C-alpha atoms as a PDB file:
ATOM      1  CA  UNK A   1       0.005  -0.001   0.012  1.00  0.00           C
ATOM      2  CA  UNK A   2       1.275   3.507  -0.733  1.00  0.00           C
ATOM      3  CA  UNK A   3       0.513   6.811   0.742  1.00  0.00           C
ATOM      4  CA  UNK A   4       0.716  10.268  -0.741  1.00  0.00           C
ATOM      5  CA  UNK A   5       1.773  13.053   1.626  1.00  0.00           C
ATOM      6  CA  UNK A   6       1.952  16.979   1.571  1.00  0.00           C
ATOM      7  CA  UNK A   7       0.467  18.039  -1.783  1.00  0.00           C
ATOM      8  CA  UNK A   8       2.025  21.436  -2.380  1.00  0.00           C
ATOM      9  CA  UNK A   9       2.584  22.406  -6.024  1.00  0.00           C
ATOM     10  CA  UNK A  10       4.189  25.688  -6.976  1.00  0.00           C
ATOM     11  CA  UNK A  11       3.587  27.292 -10.334  1.00  0.00           C
ATOM     12  CA  UNK A  12       7.157  26.515 -11.496  1.00  0.00           C
ATOM     13  CA  UNK A  13       6.818  22.710 -10.926  1.00  0.00           C
ATOM     14  CA  UNK A  14       7.412  21.872 -14.615  1.00  0.00           C
ATOM     15  CA  UNK A  15      11.079  21.583 -15.505  1.00  0.00           C
ATOM     16  CA  UNK A  16      12.537  21.997 -19.037  1.00  0.00           C
ATOM     17  CA  UNK A  17      13.953  18.951 -20.766  1.00  0.00           C
ATOM     18  CA  UNK A  18      17.512  20.255 -20.379  1.00  0.00           C
ATOM     19  CA  UNK A  19      17.306  19.658 -16.553  1.00  0.00           C
ATOM     20  CA  UNK A  20      17.247  15.906 -17.026  1.00  0.00           C
ATOM     21  CA  UNK A  21      20.101  14.445 -14.924  1.00  0.00           C
ATOM     22  CA  UNK A  22      23.286  13.227 -16.664  1.00  0.00           C
ATOM     23  CA  UNK A  23      23.629  10.024 -14.604  1.00  0.00           C
ATOM     24  CA  UNK A  24      23.844   6.266 -14.984  1.00  0.00           C
ATOM     25  CA  UNK A  25      23.112   5.667 -11.278  1.00  0.00           C
ATOM     26  CA  UNK A  26      19.968   3.812 -10.300  1.00  0.00           C
ATOM     27  CA  UNK A  27      19.404   5.900  -7.202  1.00  0.00           C
ATOM     28  CA  UNK A  28      18.683   9.679  -7.322  1.00  0.00           C
ATOM     29  CA  UNK A  29      20.762  12.445  -5.672  1.00  0.00           C
ATOM     30  CA  UNK A  30      19.475  13.691  -2.275  1.00  0.00           C
ATOM     31  CA  UNK A  31      17.699  16.620  -3.877  1.00  0.00           C
ATOM     32  CA  UNK A  32      16.269  14.688  -6.844  1.00  0.00           C
ATOM     33  CA  UNK A  33      13.006  12.852  -7.578  1.00  0.00           C
ATOM     34  CA  UNK A  34      13.157   9.259  -6.419  1.00  0.00           C
ATOM     35  CA  UNK A  35      11.108   8.171  -9.498  1.00  0.00           C
ATOM     36  CA  UNK A  36      12.848  10.011 -12.351  1.00  0.00           C
ATOM     37  CA  UNK A  37      15.954  11.591 -10.987  1.00  0.00           C
ATOM     38  CA  UNK A  38      14.989  15.187 -11.964  1.00  0.00           C
ATOM     39  CA  UNK A  39      15.747  17.994  -9.531  1.00  0.00           C
ATOM     40  CA  UNK A  40      12.833  18.782  -7.217  1.00  0.00           C
ATOM     41  CA  UNK A  41      11.553  22.337  -7.617  1.00  0.00           C
ATOM     42  CA  UNK A  42      11.892  24.606  -4.582  1.00  0.00           C
ATOM     43  CA  UNK A  43       8.849  24.688  -2.446  1.00  0.00           C
ATOM     44  CA  UNK A  44       7.410  21.445  -3.835  1.00  0.00           C
ATOM     45  CA  UNK A  45       6.593  18.800  -1.232  1.00  0.00           C
ATOM     46  CA  UNK A  46       5.257  15.639  -2.857  1.00  0.00           C
ATOM     47  CA  UNK A  47       6.143  12.281  -1.322  1.00  0.00           C
ATOM     48  CA  UNK A  48       5.197   8.620  -1.958  1.00  0.00           C
ATOM     49  CA  UNK A  49       5.851   5.912   0.578  1.00  0.00           C
ATOM     50  CA  UNK A  50       7.804   3.185  -1.141  1.00  0.00           C
ATOM     51  CA  UNK A  51       8.609   0.271   1.139  1.00  0.00           C
ATOM     52  CA  UNK A  52       8.654   1.922   4.596  1.00  0.00           C
ATOM     53  CA  UNK A  53      10.228   5.156   3.477  1.00  0.00           C
ATOM     54  CA  UNK A  54       8.716   8.443   2.256  1.00  0.00           C
ATOM     55  CA  UNK A  55      10.378   9.299  -1.135  1.00  0.00           C
ATOM     56  CA  UNK A  56      10.406  12.779  -2.649  1.00  0.00           C
ATOM     57  CA  UNK A  57       8.835  13.336  -6.101  1.00  0.00           C
ATOM     58  CA  UNK A  58       9.409  16.235  -8.583  1.00  0.00           C
ATOM     59  CA  UNK A  59       5.924  16.495  -9.999  1.00  0.00           C
ATOM     60  CA  UNK A  60       2.347  15.097  -9.809  1.00  0.00           C
ATOM     61  CA  UNK A  61       3.133  12.842 -12.767  1.00  0.00           C
ATOM     62  CA  UNK A  62       5.961  11.055 -11.007  1.00  0.00           C
ATOM     63  CA  UNK A  63       3.780  10.966  -7.868  1.00  0.00           C
ATOM     64  CA  UNK A  64       0.983   9.309  -9.802  1.00  0.00           C
ATOM     65  CA  UNK A  65       3.208   6.779 -11.543  1.00  0.00           C
ATOM     66  CA  UNK A  66       5.058   5.872  -8.317  1.00  0.00           C
ATOM     67  CA  UNK A  67       1.672   5.400  -6.548  1.00  0.00           C
ATOM     68  CA  UNK A  68       0.428   3.177  -9.462  1.00  0.00           C
ATOM     69  CA  UNK A  69       3.614   1.092  -9.222  1.00  0.00           C
ATOM     70  CA  UNK A  70       3.372   0.649  -5.408  1.00  0.00           C
ATOM     71  CA  UNK A  71      -0.474   0.041  -5.456  1.00  0.00           C
ATOM     72  CA  UNK A  72       0.013  -2.653  -8.060  1.00  0.00           C
ATOM     73  CA  UNK A  73       2.613  -4.373  -5.833  1.00  0.00           C
ATOM     74  CA  UNK A  74       5.368  -3.668  -8.369  1.00  0.00           C
ATOM     75  CA  UNK A  75       7.631  -1.551  -6.163  1.00  0.00           C
ATOM     76  CA  UNK A  76      10.471  -3.983  -6.820  1.00  0.00           C
ATOM     77  CA  UNK A  77      10.877  -1.876  -9.951  1.00  0.00           C
ATOM     78  CA  UNK A  78      12.846   0.560  -7.873  1.00  0.00           C
ATOM     79  CA  UNK A  79      15.234  -2.112  -6.719  1.00  0.00           C
ATOM     80  CA  UNK A  80      15.590  -3.538 -10.223  1.00  0.00           C
ATOM     81  CA  UNK A  81      16.221  -0.402 -12.219  1.00  0.00           C
ATOM     82  CA  UNK A  82      19.876   0.182 -13.174  1.00  0.00           C
ATOM     83  CA  UNK A  83      19.736   3.763 -14.280  1.00  0.00           C
ATOM     84  CA  UNK A  84      17.430   6.715 -15.071  1.00  0.00           C
ATOM     85  CA  UNK A  85      16.227   7.502 -18.643  1.00  0.00           C
ATOM     86  CA  UNK A  86      18.775   9.379 -20.760  1.00  0.00           C
ATOM     87  CA  UNK A  87      16.162  11.886 -22.082  1.00  0.00           C
ATOM     88  CA  UNK A  88      12.537  12.859 -21.769  1.00  0.00           C
ATOM     89  CA  UNK A  89      10.107  12.083 -24.557  1.00  0.00           C
ATOM     90  CA  UNK A  90       6.342  11.775 -24.918  1.00  0.00           C
ATOM     91  CA  UNK A  91       5.514   8.314 -23.564  1.00  0.00           C
ATOM     92  CA  UNK A  92       2.191   8.255 -25.515  1.00  0.00           C
ATOM     93  CA  UNK A  93       2.204   9.541 -29.073  1.00  0.00           C
ATOM     94  CA  UNK A  94      -0.983  11.150 -30.339  1.00  0.00           C
ATOM     95  CA  UNK A  95      -1.838   8.064 -32.389  1.00  0.00           C
ATOM     96  CA  UNK A  96      -2.345   6.052 -29.204  1.00  0.00           C
ATOM     97  CA  UNK A  97      -5.023   8.404 -27.867  1.00  0.00           C
ATOM     98  CA  UNK A  98      -7.802   6.057 -29.163  1.00  0.00           C
ATOM     99  CA  UNK A  99      -6.769   2.502 -28.246  1.00  0.00           C
ATOM    100  CA  UNK A 100     -10.090   1.065 -29.378  1.00  0.00           C
ATOM    101  CA  UNK A 101      -8.643   0.900 -32.869  1.00  0.00           C
ATOM    102  CA  UNK A 102      -6.758  -2.248 -31.666  1.00  0.00           C
ATOM    103  CA  UNK A 103     -10.052  -4.011 -31.186  1.00  0.00           C
ATOM    104  CA  UNK A 104     -10.842  -3.984 -34.945  1.00  0.00           C
ATOM    105  CA  UNK A 105     -10.215  -7.301 -36.691  1.00  0.00           C
ATOM    106  CA  UNK A 106      -8.388  -5.646 -39.665  1.00  0.00           C
ATOM    107  CA  UNK A 107      -5.926  -4.052 -37.243  1.00  0.00           C
ATOM    108  CA  UNK A 108      -5.536  -7.224 -35.205  1.00  0.00           C
ATOM    109  CA  UNK A 109      -4.664  -9.171 -38.373  1.00  0.00           C
ATOM    110  CA  UNK A 110      -1.195  -7.748 -38.239  1.00  0.00           C
ATOM    111  CA  UNK A 111      -0.322  -8.841 -34.679  1.00  0.00           C
ATOM    112  CA  UNK A 112      -2.846 -11.425 -33.419  1.00  0.00           C
ATOM    113  CA  UNK A 113      -2.979 -15.121 -34.144  1.00  0.00           C
ATOM    114  CA  UNK A 114      -5.787 -17.342 -32.977  1.00  0.00           C
ATOM    115  CA  UNK A 115      -4.482 -20.613 -31.251  1.00  0.00           C
ATOM    116  CA  UNK A 116      -7.983 -21.872 -30.641  1.00  0.00           C
ATOM    117  CA  UNK A 117     -11.593 -20.582 -30.365  1.00  0.00           C
ATOM    118  CA  UNK A 118     -10.855 -19.522 -26.779  1.00  0.00           C
ATOM    119  CA  UNK A 119      -7.283 -18.393 -26.956  1.00  0.00           C
ATOM    120  CA  UNK A 120      -5.390 -15.825 -29.051  1.00  0.00           C
ATOM    121  CA  UNK A 121      -1.782 -14.620 -29.063  1.00  0.00           C
ATOM    122  CA  UNK A 122      -0.782 -11.009 -29.524  1.00  0.00           C
ATOM    123  CA  UNK A 123       2.789 -10.106 -30.557  1.00  0.00           C
ATOM    124  CA  UNK A 124       3.550  -6.744 -28.882  1.00  0.00           C
ATOM    125  CA  UNK A 125       6.618  -4.614 -29.336  1.00  0.00           C
ATOM    126  CA  UNK A 126       7.526  -1.804 -27.023  1.00  0.00           C
ATOM    127  CA  UNK A 127      10.219   0.235 -28.681  1.00  0.00           C
ATOM    128  CA  UNK A 128      12.844   2.309 -26.965  1.00  0.00           C
ATOM    129  CA  UNK A 129      12.834   0.434 -23.604  1.00  0.00           C
ATOM    130  CA  UNK A 130      16.417  -0.414 -22.613  1.00  0.00           C
ATOM    131  CA  UNK A 131      16.093  -0.482 -18.852  1.00  0.00           C
ATOM    132  CA  UNK A 132      15.802  -4.066 -17.429  1.00  0.00           C
ATOM    133  CA  UNK A 133      13.562  -2.767 -14.611  1.00  0.00           C
ATOM    134  CA  UNK A 134      11.200  -1.093 -17.051  1.00  0.00           C
ATOM    135  CA  UNK A 135      11.023  -4.366 -19.042  1.00  0.00           C
ATOM    136  CA  UNK A 136      10.261  -6.260 -15.877  1.00  0.00           C
ATOM    137  CA  UNK A 137       7.594  -3.778 -14.840  1.00  0.00           C
ATOM    138  CA  UNK A 138       5.846  -4.026 -18.189  1.00  0.00           C
ATOM    139  CA  UNK A 139       5.984  -7.770 -18.339  1.00  0.00           C
ATOM    140  CA  UNK A 140       4.793  -8.247 -14.688  1.00  0.00           C
ATOM    141  CA  UNK A 141       1.957  -5.807 -15.112  1.00  0.00           C
ATOM    142  CA  UNK A 142       0.833  -7.396 -18.354  1.00  0.00           C
ATOM    143  CA  UNK A 143       1.000 -10.905 -16.824  1.00  0.00           C
ATOM    144  CA  UNK A 144      -1.389  -9.810 -14.037  1.00  0.00           C
ATOM    145  CA  UNK A 145      -4.129  -8.693 -16.362  1.00  0.00           C
ATOM    146  CA  UNK A 146      -7.271 -10.666 -16.492  1.00  0.00           C
ATOM    147  CA  UNK A 147      -7.162 -13.157 -19.427  1.00  0.00           C
ATOM    148  CA  UNK A 148      -3.413 -13.132 -19.927  1.00  0.00           C
ATOM    149  CA  UNK A 149      -2.104 -16.651 -19.875  1.00  0.00           C
ATOM    150  CA  UNK A 150       1.583 -16.044 -20.528  1.00  0.00           C
ATOM    151  CA  UNK A 151       3.976 -13.226 -21.329  1.00  0.00           C
END
């Protein structure tokens, strides 16, 4: 279970891309976000309890993602990660805004095979993920979804 504490958000809570840390460490500096490693804006007090320790976050986005990771019982992600991302980029391109397109048979024809009347197999590729902890997080979360037999 996770807890969110002290929700104070100053107007300058968004940092430019150039402030992303140049690090290969898996643990943030003392004044950096525990989730992404970015510096924490002055006056911002967002924390998520991970394990038994309150961890500082740099923004509501990192707070939400960290809470989701902990609530899903996937907080081993933080022990498994080997470094922070090298750069920021949009995690969801505009084309993904309507995921219902993947329910259409003509779209599924490119990545779904039907093993039987009751079981299908989807071949999914997540490009750009190089962090072993992120791969583990995606595979573990997917494996816990209703109807997923194997990952």
